Amino acid sequence: MRAAAGEEFADPVSLGGALYELGKYSLVRREISTQSLSLHRLVQVVVKDALEVEERRAWIQRVVRALLGAFPHEEEDGFWERGQRLLPHVEAILVLIEEECLALVEASSSFNRGGLYALNQAIYAQAERLLRAALSQRTVLLGGDHPEVAEDLNDLGMVYYLQGDLAQAEGFFRRALAIKQRTEGSTDHVAVMLNNVAVHAPA
């Protein structure tokens, strides 16, 4: 049945007809301006509960990869507009990852990008939540001494520094610096983190 549905929805005409029928019952809403679809929450719950555990996890991995591919880096065009639209999806993925107890490299990168977007918007609670999730995922997947773990620690330090919690910030900066020095020796990254400790630490 699922295979048949997949074949049907591969046809744009059939998909359009299905969306039209669902729209009549307010089960799906099509956003022309953003070229996106939103499903009624009840539909999401029913579809999710109908999937077997392994199938549900496979879909989560596909969604995480798609989200990571869509979420721009800070230096990319459309960072602010696309980031704002995609940030709620990063939060939704965090809930699913926690429910399924999954650890995915792509999820850690999505959480990091979402956290940095929230940090740039001064949404500190959300930034901390997502960056901690990125740190947790990367620590499990890559080990506590990995350079990407140091990046997450450094980003969390900035979250606390920008809120005036200098003692917390220094702790994260020093942990990040120690990892970078062990793994990379003397590099530009290490110089940046040394500066963070010197400039942002409490007097």
Protein backbone atom coordinates (compact mmCIF):
# COMPACT_ATOMS: atom_id res chain seq x y z
CA MET A 1 0.00 0.00 0.00
CA ARG A 2 2.78 2.44 0.89
CA ALA A 3 4.65 1.55 -2.30
CA ALA A 4 1.53 2.24 -4.34
CA ALA A 5 1.07 5.57 -2.61
CA GLY A 6 4.69 6.44 -3.34
CA GLU A 7 4.20 5.70 -7.04
CA GLU A 8 1.04 7.78 -7.12
CA PHE A 9 2.63 10.78 -5.40
CA ALA A 10 5.60 10.68 -7.76
CA ASP A 11 3.12 11.96 -10.36
CA PRO A 12 2.64 15.74 -9.82
CA VAL A 13 -0.93 15.59 -11.15
CA SER A 14 -1.92 12.81 -8.75
CA LEU A 15 -0.18 14.59 -5.89
CA GLY A 16 -1.99 17.82 -6.68
CA GLY A 17 -5.31 16.01 -6.69
CA ALA A 18 -4.57 14.34 -3.36
CA LEU A 19 -3.59 17.67 -1.82
CA TYR A 20 -6.77 19.26 -3.14
CA GLU A 21 -8.92 16.57 -1.53
CA LEU A 22 -7.07 16.82 1.78
CA GLY A 23 -7.36 20.60 1.66
CA LYS A 24 -11.14 20.40 1.43
CA TYR A 25 -11.14 18.84 4.91
CA SER A 26 -8.51 21.24 6.28
CA LEU A 27 -6.10 18.34 6.74
CA VAL A 28 -3.35 20.01 4.76
CA ARG A 29 -2.60 23.64 3.97
CA ARG A 30 -0.57 24.78 1.01
CA GLU A 31 1.56 27.90 1.45
CA ILE A 32 2.14 29.34 -2.01
CA SER A 33 4.43 32.14 -0.81
CA THR A 34 6.87 29.75 0.87
CA GLN A 35 6.22 26.79 -1.44
CA SER A 36 5.53 24.59 1.55
CA LEU A 37 2.87 22.31 2.98
CA SER A 38 1.63 22.03 6.54
CA LEU A 39 -0.24 19.00 7.82
CA HIS A 40 -2.92 19.11 10.47
CA ARG A 41 -1.41 17.95 13.77
CA LEU A 42 -3.87 15.05 13.99
CA VAL A 43 -2.73 13.78 10.59
CA GLN A 44 0.89 13.94 11.74
CA VAL A 45 0.10 11.89 14.84
CA VAL A 46 -1.86 9.26 12.91
CA VAL A 47 0.84 8.85 10.26
CA LYS A 48 3.60 8.70 12.86
CA ASP A 49 1.79 6.09 14.97
CA ALA A 50 1.13 3.94 11.90
CA LEU A 51 4.86 3.50 11.23
CA GLU A 52 6.95 0.69 12.66
CA VAL A 53 9.89 1.74 14.84
CA GLU A 54 12.58 1.15 12.21
CA GLU A 55 10.49 2.77 9.50
CA ARG A 56 9.84 5.80 11.72
CA ARG A 57 13.54 6.16 12.46
CA ALA A 58 14.38 5.89 8.76
CA TRP A 59 11.95 8.72 8.01
CA ILE A 60 13.43 10.83 10.78
CA GLN A 61 16.88 10.39 9.24
CA ARG A 62 15.57 11.44 5.82
CA VAL A 63 13.92 14.52 7.28
CA VAL A 64 17.05 15.46 9.22
CA ARG A 65 19.19 15.21 6.08
CA ALA A 66 16.71 17.30 4.10
CA LEU A 67 16.57 19.91 6.84
CA LEU A 68 20.35 20.14 7.05
CA GLY A 69 20.54 20.60 3.30
CA ALA A 70 17.96 23.41 3.44
CA PHE A 71 19.24 25.28 6.51
CA PRO A 72 21.78 27.85 5.29
CA HIS A 73 25.12 28.73 6.81
CA GLU A 74 25.37 32.24 8.25
CA GLU A 75 27.37 33.50 5.27
CA GLU A 76 24.87 32.20 2.69
CA ASP A 77 22.24 34.30 0.95
CA GLY A 78 18.81 34.02 2.53
CA PHE A 79 20.20 33.06 5.94
CA TRP A 80 17.80 35.25 7.92
CA GLU A 81 14.62 34.53 5.97
CA ARG A 82 15.18 30.81 5.47
CA GLY A 83 16.54 30.37 8.97
CA GLN A 84 13.43 31.91 10.49
CA ARG A 85 11.21 29.59 8.47
CA LEU A 86 13.23 26.48 9.26
CA LEU A 87 13.99 27.07 12.95
CA PRO A 88 10.67 25.57 14.17
CA HIS A 89 11.47 22.43 12.15
CA VAL A 90 14.83 22.13 13.91
CA GLU A 91 12.97 22.25 17.23
CA ALA A 92 10.54 19.60 16.01
CA ILE A 93 13.42 17.35 14.97
CA LEU A 94 14.98 17.77 18.42
CA VAL A 95 11.79 16.41 20.00
CA LEU A 96 11.75 13.41 17.64
CA ILE A 97 15.45 12.69 18.19
CA GLU A 98 14.95 12.73 21.95
CA GLU A 99 11.85 10.54 21.75
CA GLU A 100 13.63 7.95 19.63
CA CYS A 101 16.98 8.22 21.50
CA LEU A 102 18.80 8.70 18.19
CA ALA A 103 22.27 10.09 17.57
CA LEU A 104 22.82 11.47 14.06
CA VAL A 105 25.69 13.55 12.71
CA GLU A 106 23.26 15.46 10.49
CA ALA A 107 21.05 16.23 13.50
CA SER A 108 24.00 17.65 15.45
CA SER A 109 24.82 19.96 12.54
CA SER A 110 21.18 21.04 12.24
CA PHE A 111 21.03 21.81 15.95
CA ASN A 112 24.26 23.79 15.70
CA ARG A 113 23.02 25.88 12.77
CA GLY A 114 19.66 26.45 14.43
CA GLY A 115 21.37 27.37 17.70
CA LEU A 116 23.64 29.88 15.99
CA TYR A 117 20.66 31.39 14.19
CA ALA A 118 18.82 31.77 17.51
CA LEU A 119 21.98 33.22 19.07
CA ASN A 120 22.19 35.82 16.29
CA GLN A 121 18.57 36.69 16.99
CA ALA A 122 19.29 36.98 20.75
CA ILE A 123 16.85 34.12 21.49
CA TYR A 124 19.17 32.81 24.15
CA ALA A 125 17.05 30.06 25.71
CA GLN A 126 16.47 28.49 22.31
CA ALA A 127 20.11 28.95 21.33
CA GLU A 128 21.27 27.21 24.51
CA ARG A 129 18.80 24.35 24.07
CA LEU A 130 19.83 23.65 20.47
CA LEU A 131 23.56 24.09 21.04
CA ARG A 132 23.44 21.76 24.05
CA ALA A 133 21.66 19.22 21.86
CA ALA A 134 24.40 19.60 19.23
CA LEU A 135 27.05 19.16 21.91
CA SER A 136 25.36 16.05 23.29
CA GLN A 137 25.00 14.45 19.86
CA ARG A 138 28.57 15.18 18.82
CA THR A 139 30.01 13.98 22.13
CA VAL A 140 28.25 10.64 21.67
CA LEU A 141 29.10 10.31 17.99
CA LEU A 142 32.58 11.84 17.78
CA GLY A 143 33.96 11.64 21.31
CA GLY A 144 34.55 14.36 23.87
CA ASP A 145 37.89 15.47 22.38
CA HIS A 146 36.69 16.14 18.83
CA PRO A 147 37.25 19.65 17.36
CA GLU A 148 33.54 19.97 16.51
CA VAL A 149 32.74 19.39 20.17
CA ALA A 150 35.07 22.30 20.93
CA GLU A 151 33.13 24.46 18.47
CA ASP A 152 29.86 23.69 20.28
CA LEU A 153 31.46 24.49 23.63
CA ASN A 154 32.74 27.79 22.26
CA ASP A 155 29.29 28.64 20.87
CA LEU A 156 27.70 27.88 24.23
CA GLY A 157 30.27 30.14 25.86
CA MET A 158 29.05 32.96 23.64
CA VAL A 159 25.45 32.29 24.70
CA TYR A 160 26.39 32.84 28.33
CA TYR A 161 28.76 35.73 27.63
CA LEU A 162 26.09 37.68 25.74
CA GLN A 163 23.76 37.24 28.71
CA GLY A 164 26.41 38.56 31.10
CA ASP A 165 27.15 35.22 32.79
CA LEU A 166 30.91 35.53 32.51
CA ALA A 167 31.80 32.70 34.89
CA GLN A 168 29.75 30.18 32.88
CA ALA A 169 31.11 31.59 29.64
CA GLU A 170 34.71 31.22 30.78
CA GLY A 171 34.15 27.59 31.72
CA PHE A 172 32.91 26.74 28.22
CA PHE A 173 35.65 28.78 26.54
CA ARG A 174 38.37 27.05 28.54
CA ARG A 175 36.97 23.58 27.80
CA ALA A 176 36.83 24.45 24.10
CA LEU A 177 40.36 25.82 24.15
CA ALA A 178 41.76 22.72 25.88
CA ILE A 179 40.28 20.43 23.22
CA LYS A 180 41.53 22.59 20.36
CA GLN A 181 45.03 22.75 21.80
CA ARG A 182 45.13 18.96 22.22
CA THR A 183 43.78 18.21 18.76
CA GLU A 184 45.10 21.05 16.61
CA GLY A 185 48.05 22.58 18.44
CA SER A 186 48.60 26.19 17.42
CA THR A 187 46.00 27.22 14.82
CA ASP A 188 43.77 30.15 13.99
CA HIS A 189 40.90 28.39 15.78
CA VAL A 190 43.00 28.11 18.93
CA ALA A 191 43.96 31.80 18.67
CA VAL A 192 40.27 32.76 18.49
CA MET A 193 39.48 30.70 21.57
CA LEU A 194 42.46 32.07 23.47
CA ASN A 195 41.11 35.51 22.71
CA ASN A 196 37.66 34.46 23.96
CA VAL A 197 39.13 33.35 27.27
CA ALA A 198 41.23 36.52 27.64
CA VAL A 199 38.56 39.02 26.60
CA HIS A 200 35.41 37.42 27.94
CA ALA A 201 36.58 35.96 31.23
CA PRO A 202 35.59 37.74 34.44
CA ALA A 203 38.11 40.29 35.71
